[in-house]
Amino acid sequence: MPSSKEYLDFILEQLSGLKDITCKPMMGEFLIYYRGKLVGGIYDDRLLVKPVRSALSYLPQAEYALPYEGAKEMLLVDNVDDTAFLKGLLEAMYDDLPMLKIKKR
């Protein structure tokens, strides 16, 4: 089931206090970027983030979830109503995330 535009808008509103939040549609789902780094995405109307060290520390009780069949597990963020929590999570994750690789054409 693809994610809804309404859920995407809700998450983007929750993250609006951060600068440089962008998203890209991907096969009915949405990838979320913070300051040019991929932090996770919205899959089946769930916010999932990469399980980097800082995210694991910030979300010690988080469940792992598959964004889609055959993918690597990600962390399910279920506290999406807390704007300050989400902002802190993405800020904590930033340094642990790899820079995007630029494809040469």
PDB file of N, CA and C in Angstrom:
ATOM      1  N   MET A   1       0.842  -1.178   0.000  1.00  0.00           N
ATOM      2  CA  MET A   1       0.000   0.000   0.000  1.00  0.00           C
ATOM      3  C   MET A   1       0.888   1.242   0.000  1.00  0.00           C
ATOM      4  N   PRO A   2       0.752   2.100  -0.974  1.00  0.00           N
ATOM      5  CA  PRO A   2       1.566   3.320  -0.997  1.00  0.00           C
ATOM      6  C   PRO A   2       1.210   4.260   0.158  1.00  0.00           C
ATOM      7  N   SER A   3       2.162   5.070   0.511  1.00  0.00           N
ATOM      8  CA  SER A   3       1.940   6.055   1.574  1.00  0.00           C
ATOM      9  C   SER A   3       1.091   7.208   1.046  1.00  0.00           C
ATOM     10  N   SER A   4       0.336   7.812   1.939  1.00  0.00           N
ATOM     11  CA  SER A   4      -0.544   8.903   1.537  1.00  0.00           C
ATOM     12  C   SER A   4       0.196  10.246   1.561  1.00  0.00           C
ATOM     13  N   LYS A   5      -0.251  11.120   0.704  1.00  0.00           N
ATOM     14  CA  LYS A   5       0.284  12.481   0.673  1.00  0.00           C
ATOM     15  C   LYS A   5      -0.015  13.186   1.987  1.00  0.00           C
ATOM     16  N   GLU A   6      -1.140  12.872   2.619  1.00  0.00           N
ATOM     17  CA  GLU A   6      -1.516  13.486   3.892  1.00  0.00           C
ATOM     18  C   GLU A   6      -0.514  13.126   4.988  1.00  0.00           C
ATOM     19  N   TYR A   7      -0.090  11.859   5.026  1.00  0.00           N
ATOM     20  CA  TYR A   7       0.888  11.456   6.041  1.00  0.00           C
ATOM     21  C   TYR A   7       2.237  12.126   5.775  1.00  0.00           C
ATOM     22  N   LEU A   8       2.637  12.182   4.517  1.00  0.00           N
ATOM     23  CA  LEU A   8       3.866  12.890   4.157  1.00  0.00           C
ATOM     24  C   LEU A   8       3.796  14.339   4.616  1.00  0.00           C
ATOM     25  N   ASP A   9       2.688  15.021   4.319  1.00  0.00           N
ATOM     26  CA  ASP A   9       2.530  16.425   4.720  1.00  0.00           C
ATOM     27  C   ASP A   9       2.607  16.575   6.239  1.00  0.00           C
ATOM     28  N   PHE A  10       2.006  15.642   6.971  1.00  0.00           N
ATOM     29  CA  PHE A  10       2.052  15.675   8.430  1.00  0.00           C
ATOM     30  C   PHE A  10       3.504  15.563   8.927  1.00  0.00           C
ATOM     31  N   ILE A  11       4.255  14.604   8.401  1.00  0.00           N
ATOM     32  CA  ILE A  11       5.649  14.418   8.825  1.00  0.00           C
ATOM     33  C   ILE A  11       6.479  15.641   8.455  1.00  0.00           C
ATOM     34  N   LEU A  12       6.301  16.158   7.256  1.00  0.00           N
ATOM     35  CA  LEU A  12       7.057  17.349   6.851  1.00  0.00           C
ATOM     36  C   LEU A  12       6.720  18.547   7.737  1.00  0.00           C
ATOM     37  N   GLU A  13       5.478  18.664   8.150  1.00  0.00           N
ATOM     38  CA  GLU A  13       5.095  19.734   9.070  1.00  0.00           C
ATOM     39  C   GLU A  13       5.783  19.543  10.419  1.00  0.00           C
ATOM     40  N   GLN A  14       5.844  18.299  10.889  1.00  0.00           N
ATOM     41  CA  GLN A  14       6.515  18.009  12.152  1.00  0.00           C
ATOM     42  C   GLN A  14       8.006  18.351  12.076  1.00  0.00           C
ATOM     43  N   LEU A  15       8.594  18.216  10.908  1.00  0.00           N
ATOM     44  CA  LEU A  15      10.020  18.478  10.714  1.00  0.00           C
ATOM     45  C   LEU A  15      10.307  19.888  10.210  1.00  0.00           C
ATOM     46  N   SER A  16       9.290  20.722  10.123  1.00  0.00           N
ATOM     47  CA  SER A  16       9.452  22.050   9.519  1.00  0.00           C
ATOM     48  C   SER A  16      10.401  22.967  10.301  1.00  0.00           C
ATOM     49  N   GLY A  17      10.693  22.644  11.552  1.00  0.00           N
ATOM     50  CA  GLY A  17      11.634  23.445  12.325  1.00  0.00           C
ATOM     51  C   GLY A  17      13.080  23.209  11.932  1.00  0.00           C
ATOM     52  N   LEU A  18      13.330  22.185  11.147  1.00  0.00           N
ATOM     53  CA  LEU A  18      14.684  21.902  10.667  1.00  0.00           C
ATOM     54  C   LEU A  18      14.876  22.519   9.295  1.00  0.00           C
ATOM     55  N   LYS A  19      16.071  23.004   9.054  1.00  0.00           N
ATOM     56  CA  LYS A  19      16.382  23.540   7.737  1.00  0.00           C
ATOM     57  C   LYS A  19      16.823  22.396   6.833  1.00  0.00           C
ATOM     58  N   ASP A  20      16.556  22.553   5.562  1.00  0.00           N
ATOM     59  CA  ASP A  20      17.003  21.606   4.541  1.00  0.00           C
ATOM     60  C   ASP A  20      16.399  20.212   4.660  1.00  0.00           C
ATOM     61  N   ILE A  21      15.117  20.135   4.959  1.00  0.00           N
ATOM     62  CA  ILE A  21      14.398  18.863   4.877  1.00  0.00           C
ATOM     63  C   ILE A  21      13.816  18.767   3.472  1.00  0.00           C
ATOM     64  N   THR A  22      14.113  17.682   2.797  1.00  0.00           N
ATOM     65  CA  THR A  22      13.547  17.458   1.468  1.00  0.00           C
ATOM     66  C   THR A  22      13.042  16.025   1.390  1.00  0.00           C
ATOM     67  N   CYS A  23      12.200  15.788   0.404  1.00  0.00           N
ATOM     68  CA  CYS A  23      11.723  14.427   0.188  1.00  0.00           C
ATOM     69  C   CYS A  23      11.666  14.166  -1.309  1.00  0.00           C
ATOM     70  N   LYS A  24      11.760  12.886  -1.641  1.00  0.00           N
ATOM     71  CA  LYS A  24      11.659  12.466  -3.035  1.00  0.00           C
ATOM     72  C   LYS A  24      10.710  11.280  -3.100  1.00  0.00           C
ATOM     73  N   PRO A  25       9.773  11.324  -4.027  1.00  0.00           N
ATOM     74  CA  PRO A  25       8.901  10.166  -4.197  1.00  0.00           C
ATOM     75  C   PRO A  25       9.685   8.997  -4.788  1.00  0.00           C
ATOM     76  N   MET A  26       9.366   7.796  -4.313  1.00  0.00           N
ATOM     77  CA  MET A  26      10.055   6.609  -4.808  1.00  0.00           C
ATOM     78  C   MET A  26       9.083   5.437  -4.785  1.00  0.00           C
ATOM     79  N   MET A  27       8.535   5.080  -5.927  1.00  0.00           N
ATOM     80  CA  MET A  27       7.650   3.927  -6.081  1.00  0.00           C
ATOM     81  C   MET A  27       6.496   3.927  -5.076  1.00  0.00           C
ATOM     82  N   GLY A  28       5.814   5.039  -4.935  1.00  0.00           N
ATOM     83  CA  GLY A  28       4.666   5.137  -4.050  1.00  0.00           C
ATOM     84  C   GLY A  28       5.003   5.461  -2.613  1.00  0.00           C
ATOM     85  N   GLU A  29       6.275   5.568  -2.305  1.00  0.00           N
ATOM     86  CA  GLU A  29       6.732   5.905  -0.960  1.00  0.00           C
ATOM     87  C   GLU A  29       7.538   7.193  -1.058  1.00  0.00           C
ATOM     88  N   PHE A  30       8.131   7.631   0.059  1.00  0.00           N
ATOM     89  CA  PHE A  30       8.863   8.896   0.059  1.00  0.00           C
ATOM     90  C   PHE A  30      10.163   8.754   0.836  1.00  0.00           C
ATOM     91  N   LEU A  31      11.270   9.173   0.227  1.00  0.00           N
ATOM     92  CA  LEU A  31      12.563   9.210   0.903  1.00  0.00           C
ATOM     93  C   LEU A  31      12.714  10.575   1.555  1.00  0.00           C
ATOM     94  N   ILE A  32      13.243  10.591   2.785  1.00  0.00           N
ATOM     95  CA  ILE A  32      13.407  11.840   3.540  1.00  0.00           C
ATOM     96  C   ILE A  32      14.900  12.139   3.674  1.00  0.00           C
ATOM     97  N   TYR A  33      15.275  13.359   3.322  1.00  0.00           N
ATOM     98  CA  TYR A  33      16.660  13.815   3.402  1.00  0.00           C
ATOM     99  C   TYR A  33      16.758  14.974   4.384  1.00  0.00           C
ATOM    100  N   TYR A  34      17.840  14.978   5.140  1.00  0.00           N
ATOM    101  CA  TYR A  34      18.140  16.091   6.042  1.00  0.00           C
ATOM    102  C   TYR A  34      19.515  16.612   5.691  1.00  0.00           C
ATOM    103  N   ARG A  35      19.560  17.871   5.282  1.00  0.00           N
ATOM    104  CA  ARG A  35      20.815  18.531   4.882  1.00  0.00           C
ATOM    105  C   ARG A  35      21.585  17.677   3.868  1.00  0.00           C
ATOM    106  N   GLY A  36      20.848  17.118   2.925  1.00  0.00           N
ATOM    107  CA  GLY A  36      21.453  16.367   1.834  1.00  0.00           C
ATOM    108  C   GLY A  36      21.776  14.913   2.124  1.00  0.00           C
ATOM    109  N   LYS A  37      21.482  14.444   3.331  1.00  0.00           N
ATOM    110  CA  LYS A  37      21.752  13.052   3.679  1.00  0.00           C
ATOM    111  C   LYS A  37      20.439  12.292   3.858  1.00  0.00           C
ATOM    112  N   LEU A  38      20.405  11.069   3.345  1.00  0.00           N
ATOM    113  CA  LEU A  38      19.220  10.234   3.470  1.00  0.00           C
ATOM    114  C   LEU A  38      19.096   9.733   4.904  1.00  0.00           C
ATOM    115  N   VAL A  39      18.003  10.113   5.588  1.00  0.00           N
ATOM    116  CA  VAL A  39      17.789   9.669   6.975  1.00  0.00           C
ATOM    117  C   VAL A  39      16.824   8.503   7.053  1.00  0.00           C
ATOM    118  N   GLY A  40      15.959   8.381   6.080  1.00  0.00           N
ATOM    119  CA  GLY A  40      14.974   7.311   6.092  1.00  0.00           C
ATOM    120  C   GLY A  40      13.874   7.616   5.108  1.00  0.00           C
ATOM    121  N   GLY A  41      12.659   7.214   5.480  1.00  0.00           N
ATOM    122  CA  GLY A  41      11.566   7.456   4.570  1.00  0.00           C
ATOM    123  C   GLY A  41      10.228   7.132   5.182  1.00  0.00           C
ATOM    124  N   ILE A  42       9.225   7.356   4.375  1.00  0.00           N
ATOM    125  CA  ILE A  42       7.863   7.034   4.756  1.00  0.00           C
ATOM    126  C   ILE A  42       7.444   5.847   3.900  1.00  0.00           C
ATOM    127  N   TYR A  43       7.120   4.760   4.570  1.00  0.00           N
ATOM    128  CA  TYR A  43       6.750   3.513   3.919  1.00  0.00           C
ATOM    129  C   TYR A  43       5.453   3.024   4.556  1.00  0.00           C
ATOM    130  N   ASP A  44       4.418   2.827   3.761  1.00  0.00           N
ATOM    131  CA  ASP A  44       3.116   2.378   4.265  1.00  0.00           C
ATOM    132  C   ASP A  44       2.632   3.259   5.418  1.00  0.00           C
ATOM    133  N   ASP A  45       2.776   4.555   5.258  1.00  0.00           N
ATOM    134  CA  ASP A  45       2.377   5.535   6.276  1.00  0.00           C
ATOM    135  C   ASP A  45       3.054   5.284   7.623  1.00  0.00           C
ATOM    136  N   ARG A  46       4.332   4.915   7.573  1.00  0.00           N
ATOM    137  CA  ARG A  46       5.169   4.751   8.770  1.00  0.00           C
ATOM    138  C   ARG A  46       6.466   5.498   8.517  1.00  0.00           C
ATOM    139  N   LEU A  47       6.974   6.192   9.529  1.00  0.00           N
ATOM    140  CA  LEU A  47       8.273   6.843   9.419  1.00  0.00           C
ATOM    141  C   LEU A  47       9.327   5.852   9.877  1.00  0.00           C
ATOM    142  N   LEU A  48      10.235   5.504   8.976  1.00  0.00           N
ATOM    143  CA  LEU A  48      11.343   4.601   9.274  1.00  0.00           C
ATOM    144  C   LEU A  48      12.646   5.345   9.048  1.00  0.00           C
ATOM    145  N   VAL A  49      13.620   5.127   9.945  1.00  0.00           N
ATOM    146  CA  VAL A  49      14.931   5.765   9.806  1.00  0.00           C
ATOM    147  C   VAL A  49      16.015   4.706   9.768  1.00  0.00           C
ATOM    148  N   LYS A  50      17.152   5.096   9.218  1.00  0.00           N
ATOM    149  CA  LYS A  50      18.296   4.189   9.149  1.00  0.00           C
ATOM    150  C   LYS A  50      18.765   3.838  10.562  1.00  0.00           C
ATOM    151  N   PRO A  51      19.163   2.590  10.782  1.00  0.00           N
ATOM    152  CA  PRO A  51      19.588   2.171  12.121  1.00  0.00           C
ATOM    153  C   PRO A  51      21.056   2.504  12.408  1.00  0.00           C
ATOM    154  N   VAL A  52      21.423   3.764  12.278  1.00  0.00           N
ATOM    155  CA  VAL A  52      22.791   4.176  12.605  1.00  0.00           C
ATOM    156  C   VAL A  52      22.944   4.240  14.123  1.00  0.00           C
ATOM    157  N   ARG A  53      24.171   4.253  14.586  1.00  0.00           N
ATOM    158  CA  ARG A  53      24.479   4.201  16.015  1.00  0.00           C
ATOM    159  C   ARG A  53      23.701   5.241  16.827  1.00  0.00           C
ATOM    160  N   SER A  54      23.691   6.473  16.354  1.00  0.00           N
ATOM    161  CA  SER A  54      23.018   7.538  17.100  1.00  0.00           C
ATOM    162  C   SER A  54      21.503   7.330  17.143  1.00  0.00           C
ATOM    163  N   ALA A  55      20.912   6.798  16.091  1.00  0.00           N
ATOM    164  CA  ALA A  55      19.471   6.521  16.095  1.00  0.00           C
ATOM    165  C   ALA A  55      19.150   5.404  17.080  1.00  0.00           C
ATOM    166  N   LEU A  56      20.007   4.398  17.143  1.00  0.00           N
ATOM    167  CA  LEU A  56      19.809   3.311  18.103  1.00  0.00           C
ATOM    168  C   LEU A  56      19.885   3.828  19.532  1.00  0.00           C
ATOM    169  N   SER A  57      20.777   4.777  19.790  1.00  0.00           N
ATOM    170  CA  SER A  57      20.880   5.374  21.125  1.00  0.00           C
ATOM    171  C   SER A  57      19.662   6.237  21.437  1.00  0.00           C
ATOM    172  N   TYR A  58      19.193   6.967  20.443  1.00  0.00           N
ATOM    173  CA  TYR A  58      18.062   7.877  20.628  1.00  0.00           C
ATOM    174  C   TYR A  58      16.743   7.116  20.759  1.00  0.00           C
ATOM    175  N   LEU A  59      16.672   5.963  20.115  1.00  0.00           N
ATOM    176  CA  LEU A  59      15.461   5.138  20.110  1.00  0.00           C
ATOM    177  C   LEU A  59      15.767   3.750  20.677  1.00  0.00           C
ATOM    178  N   PRO A  60      16.153   3.636  21.942  1.00  0.00           N
ATOM    179  CA  PRO A  60      16.603   2.347  22.472  1.00  0.00           C
ATOM    180  C   PRO A  60      15.532   1.254  22.456  1.00  0.00           C
ATOM    181  N   GLN A  61      14.266   1.614  22.473  1.00  0.00           N
ATOM    182  CA  GLN A  61      13.183   0.624  22.483  1.00  0.00           C
ATOM    183  C   GLN A  61      12.522   0.451  21.112  1.00  0.00           C
ATOM    184  N   ALA A  62      13.095   1.056  20.083  1.00  0.00           N
ATOM    185  CA  ALA A  62      12.458   1.037  18.768  1.00  0.00           C
ATOM    186  C   ALA A  62      12.400  -0.367  18.184  1.00  0.00           C
ATOM    187  N   GLU A  63      11.341  -0.607  17.456  1.00  0.00           N
ATOM    188  CA  GLU A  63      11.183  -1.858  16.731  1.00  0.00           C
ATOM    189  C   GLU A  63      11.841  -1.721  15.363  1.00  0.00           C
ATOM    190  N   TYR A  64      12.346  -2.839  14.879  1.00  0.00           N
ATOM    191  CA  TYR A  64      12.838  -2.876  13.508  1.00  0.00           C
ATOM    192  C   TYR A  64      11.652  -3.197  12.601  1.00  0.00           C
ATOM    193  N   ALA A  65      11.666  -2.633  11.407  1.00  0.00           N
ATOM    194  CA  ALA A  65      10.600  -2.881  10.444  1.00  0.00           C
ATOM    195  C   ALA A  65      11.205  -2.876   9.042  1.00  0.00           C
ATOM    196  N   LEU A  66      10.604  -3.641   8.163  1.00  0.00           N
ATOM    197  CA  LEU A  66      11.030  -3.661   6.765  1.00  0.00           C
ATOM    198  C   LEU A  66      10.252  -2.599   5.989  1.00  0.00           C
ATOM    199  N   PRO A  67      10.955  -1.746   5.265  1.00  0.00           N
ATOM    200  CA  PRO A  67      10.241  -0.756   4.459  1.00  0.00           C
ATOM    201  C   PRO A  67       9.487  -1.420   3.302  1.00  0.00           C
ATOM    202  N   TYR A  68      10.060  -2.477   2.758  1.00  0.00           N
ATOM    203  CA  TYR A  68       9.442  -3.257   1.683  1.00  0.00           C
ATOM    204  C   TYR A  68      10.165  -4.591   1.625  1.00  0.00           C
ATOM    205  N   GLU A  69       9.567  -5.547   0.981  1.00  0.00           N
ATOM    206  CA  GLU A  69      10.130  -6.884   0.920  1.00  0.00           C
ATOM    207  C   GLU A  69      11.507  -6.870   0.249  1.00  0.00           C
ATOM    208  N   GLY A  70      12.463  -7.509   0.898  1.00  0.00           N
ATOM    209  CA  GLY A  70      13.812  -7.595   0.363  1.00  0.00           C
ATOM    210  C   GLY A  70      14.734  -6.466   0.798  1.00  0.00           C
ATOM    211  N   ALA A  71      14.221  -5.492   1.537  1.00  0.00           N
ATOM    212  CA  ALA A  71      15.028  -4.348   1.982  1.00  0.00           C
ATOM    213  C   ALA A  71      15.696  -4.660   3.321  1.00  0.00           C
ATOM    214  N   LYS A  72      16.647  -3.836   3.684  1.00  0.00           N
ATOM    215  CA  LYS A  72      17.264  -3.925   5.004  1.00  0.00           C
ATOM    216  C   LYS A  72      16.303  -3.352   6.037  1.00  0.00           C
ATOM    217  N   GLU A  73      16.370  -3.893   7.249  1.00  0.00           N
ATOM    218  CA  GLU A  73      15.512  -3.398   8.310  1.00  0.00           C
ATOM    219  C   GLU A  73      15.888  -1.973   8.700  1.00  0.00           C
ATOM    220  N   MET A  74      14.871  -1.238   9.099  1.00  0.00           N
ATOM    221  CA  MET A  74      15.042   0.135   9.559  1.00  0.00           C
ATOM    222  C   MET A  74      14.343   0.268  10.903  1.00  0.00           C
ATOM    223  N   LEU A  75      14.544   1.398  11.555  1.00  0.00           N
ATOM    224  CA  LEU A  75      13.904   1.642  12.852  1.00  0.00           C
ATOM    225  C   LEU A  75      12.570   2.349  12.658  1.00  0.00           C
ATOM    226  N   LEU A  76      11.549   1.828  13.301  1.00  0.00           N
ATOM    227  CA  LEU A  76      10.226   2.431  13.257  1.00  0.00           C
ATOM    228  C   LEU A  76      10.149   3.559  14.287  1.00  0.00           C
ATOM    229  N   VAL A  77       9.811   4.748  13.827  1.00  0.00           N
ATOM    230  CA  VAL A  77       9.649   5.899  14.719  1.00  0.00           C
ATOM    231  C   VAL A  77       8.156   6.039  14.985  1.00  0.00           C
ATOM    232  N   ASP A  78       7.754   5.733  16.212  1.00  0.00           N
ATOM    233  CA  ASP A  78       6.327   5.806  16.510  1.00  0.00           C
ATOM    234  C   ASP A  78       5.947   7.040  17.321  1.00  0.00           C
ATOM    235  N   ASN A  79       6.911   7.873  17.663  1.00  0.00           N
ATOM    236  CA  ASN A  79       6.644   9.095  18.428  1.00  0.00           C
ATOM    237  C   ASN A  79       6.630  10.299  17.482  1.00  0.00           C
ATOM    238  N   VAL A  80       5.832  10.201  16.414  1.00  0.00           N
ATOM    239  CA  VAL A  80       5.844  11.242  15.391  1.00  0.00           C
ATOM    240  C   VAL A  80       5.051  12.489  15.773  1.00  0.00           C
ATOM    241  N   ASP A  81       4.306  12.433  16.871  1.00  0.00           N
ATOM    242  CA  ASP A  81       3.547  13.603  17.307  1.00  0.00           C
ATOM    243  C   ASP A  81       4.394  14.616  18.067  1.00  0.00           C
ATOM    244  N   ASP A  82       5.580  14.225  18.483  1.00  0.00           N
ATOM    245  CA  ASP A  82       6.472  15.075  19.276  1.00  0.00           C
ATOM    246  C   ASP A  82       7.500  15.743  18.361  1.00  0.00           C
ATOM    247  N   THR A  83       7.235  16.988  18.007  1.00  0.00           N
ATOM    248  CA  THR A  83       8.092  17.730  17.083  1.00  0.00           C
ATOM    249  C   THR A  83       9.528  17.842  17.594  1.00  0.00           C
ATOM    250  N   ALA A  84       9.701  18.167  18.868  1.00  0.00           N
ATOM    251  CA  ALA A  84      11.043  18.319  19.439  1.00  0.00           C
ATOM    252  C   ALA A  84      11.795  16.993  19.405  1.00  0.00           C
ATOM    253  N   PHE A  85      11.104  15.901  19.657  1.00  0.00           N
ATOM    254  CA  PHE A  85      11.720  14.578  19.612  1.00  0.00           C
ATOM    255  C   PHE A  85      12.232  14.271  18.210  1.00  0.00           C
ATOM    256  N   LEU A  86      11.398  14.505  17.193  1.00  0.00           N
ATOM    257  CA  LEU A  86      11.804  14.226  15.812  1.00  0.00           C
ATOM    258  C   LEU A  86      12.982  15.104  15.393  1.00  0.00           C
ATOM    259  N   LYS A  87      12.940  16.360  15.768  1.00  0.00           N
ATOM    260  CA  LYS A  87      14.037  17.277  15.446  1.00  0.00           C
ATOM    261  C   LYS A  87      15.329  16.777  16.086  1.00  0.00           C
ATOM    262  N   GLY A  88      15.264  16.401  17.353  1.00  0.00           N
ATOM    263  CA  GLY A  88      16.450  15.886  18.043  1.00  0.00           C
ATOM    264  C   GLY A  88      16.975  14.608  17.426  1.00  0.00           C
ATOM    265  N   LEU A  89      16.073  13.734  16.986  1.00  0.00           N
ATOM    266  CA  LEU A  89      16.484  12.481  16.356  1.00  0.00           C
ATOM    267  C   LEU A  89      17.276  12.747  15.088  1.00  0.00           C
ATOM    268  N   LEU A  90      16.745  13.563  14.195  1.00  0.00           N
ATOM    269  CA  LEU A  90      17.445  13.831  12.938  1.00  0.00           C
ATOM    270  C   LEU A  90      18.759  14.560  13.168  1.00  0.00           C
ATOM    271  N   GLU A  91      18.776  15.506  14.100  1.00  0.00           N
ATOM    272  CA  GLU A  91      20.029  16.206  14.398  1.00  0.00           C
ATOM    273  C   GLU A  91      21.069  15.240  14.964  1.00  0.00           C
ATOM    274  N   ALA A  92      20.639  14.319  15.823  1.00  0.00           N
ATOM    275  CA  ALA A  92      21.570  13.336  16.393  1.00  0.00           C
ATOM    276  C   ALA A  92      22.110  12.402  15.313  1.00  0.00           C
ATOM    277  N   MET A  93      21.286  12.050  14.353  1.00  0.00           N
ATOM    278  CA  MET A  93      21.679  11.104  13.309  1.00  0.00           C
ATOM    279  C   MET A  93      22.633  11.694  12.281  1.00  0.00           C
ATOM    280  N   TYR A  94      22.598  12.992  12.082  1.00  0.00           N
ATOM    281  CA  TYR A  94      23.267  13.617  10.937  1.00  0.00           C
ATOM    282  C   TYR A  94      24.727  13.193  10.777  1.00  0.00           C
ATOM    283  N   ASP A  95      25.519  13.255  11.827  1.00  0.00           N
ATOM    284  CA  ASP A  95      26.949  12.957  11.697  1.00  0.00           C
ATOM    285  C   ASP A  95      27.233  11.492  11.395  1.00  0.00           C
ATOM    286  N   ASP A  96      26.310  10.600  11.731  1.00  0.00           N
ATOM    287  CA  ASP A  96      26.512   9.171  11.471  1.00  0.00           C
ATOM    288  C   ASP A  96      26.076   8.739  10.074  1.00  0.00           C
ATOM    289  N   LEU A  97      25.416   9.624   9.359  1.00  0.00           N
ATOM    290  CA  LEU A  97      24.917   9.276   8.030  1.00  0.00           C
ATOM    291  C   LEU A  97      25.966   9.563   6.957  1.00  0.00           C
ATOM    292  N   PRO A  98      26.086   8.690   5.972  1.00  0.00           N
ATOM    293  CA  PRO A  98      27.062   8.932   4.893  1.00  0.00           C
ATOM    294  C   PRO A  98      26.576  10.018   3.945  1.00  0.00           C
ATOM    295  N   MET A  99      27.513  10.701   3.353  1.00  0.00           N
ATOM    296  CA  MET A  99      27.177  11.676   2.310  1.00  0.00           C
ATOM    297  C   MET A  99      26.678  10.899   1.103  1.00  0.00           C
ATOM    298  N   LEU A 100      25.775  11.505   0.355  1.00  0.00           N
ATOM    299  CA  LEU A 100      25.270  10.853  -0.852  1.00  0.00           C
ATOM    300  C   LEU A 100      26.361  10.769  -1.899  1.00  0.00           C
ATOM    301  N   LYS A 101      26.394   9.662  -2.576  1.00  0.00           N
ATOM    302  CA  LYS A 101      27.359   9.494  -3.661  1.00  0.00           C
ATOM    303  C   LYS A 101      26.789  10.148  -4.908  1.00  0.00           C
ATOM    304  N   ILE A 102      27.610  10.934  -5.555  1.00  0.00           N
ATOM    305  CA  ILE A 102      27.197  11.601  -6.777  1.00  0.00           C
ATOM    306  C   ILE A 102      27.519  10.674  -7.943  1.00  0.00           C
ATOM    307  N   LYS A 103      26.490  10.361  -8.715  1.00  0.00           N
ATOM    308  CA  LYS A 103      26.674   9.460  -9.854  1.00  0.00           C
ATOM    309  C   LYS A 103      27.311  10.220 -11.009  1.00  0.00           C
ATOM    310  N   LYS A 104      28.343   9.624 -11.579  1.00  0.00           N
ATOM    311  CA  LYS A 104      28.980  10.221 -12.759  1.00  0.00           C
ATOM    312  C   LYS A 104      28.239   9.752 -13.987  1.00  0.00           C
ATOM    313  N   ARG A 105      28.034  10.674 -14.909  1.00  0.00           N
ATOM    314  CA  ARG A 105      27.302  10.312 -16.136  1.00  0.00           C
ATOM    315  C   ARG A 105      28.218  10.247 -17.301  1.00  0.00           C
TER     316      ARG A 105
END
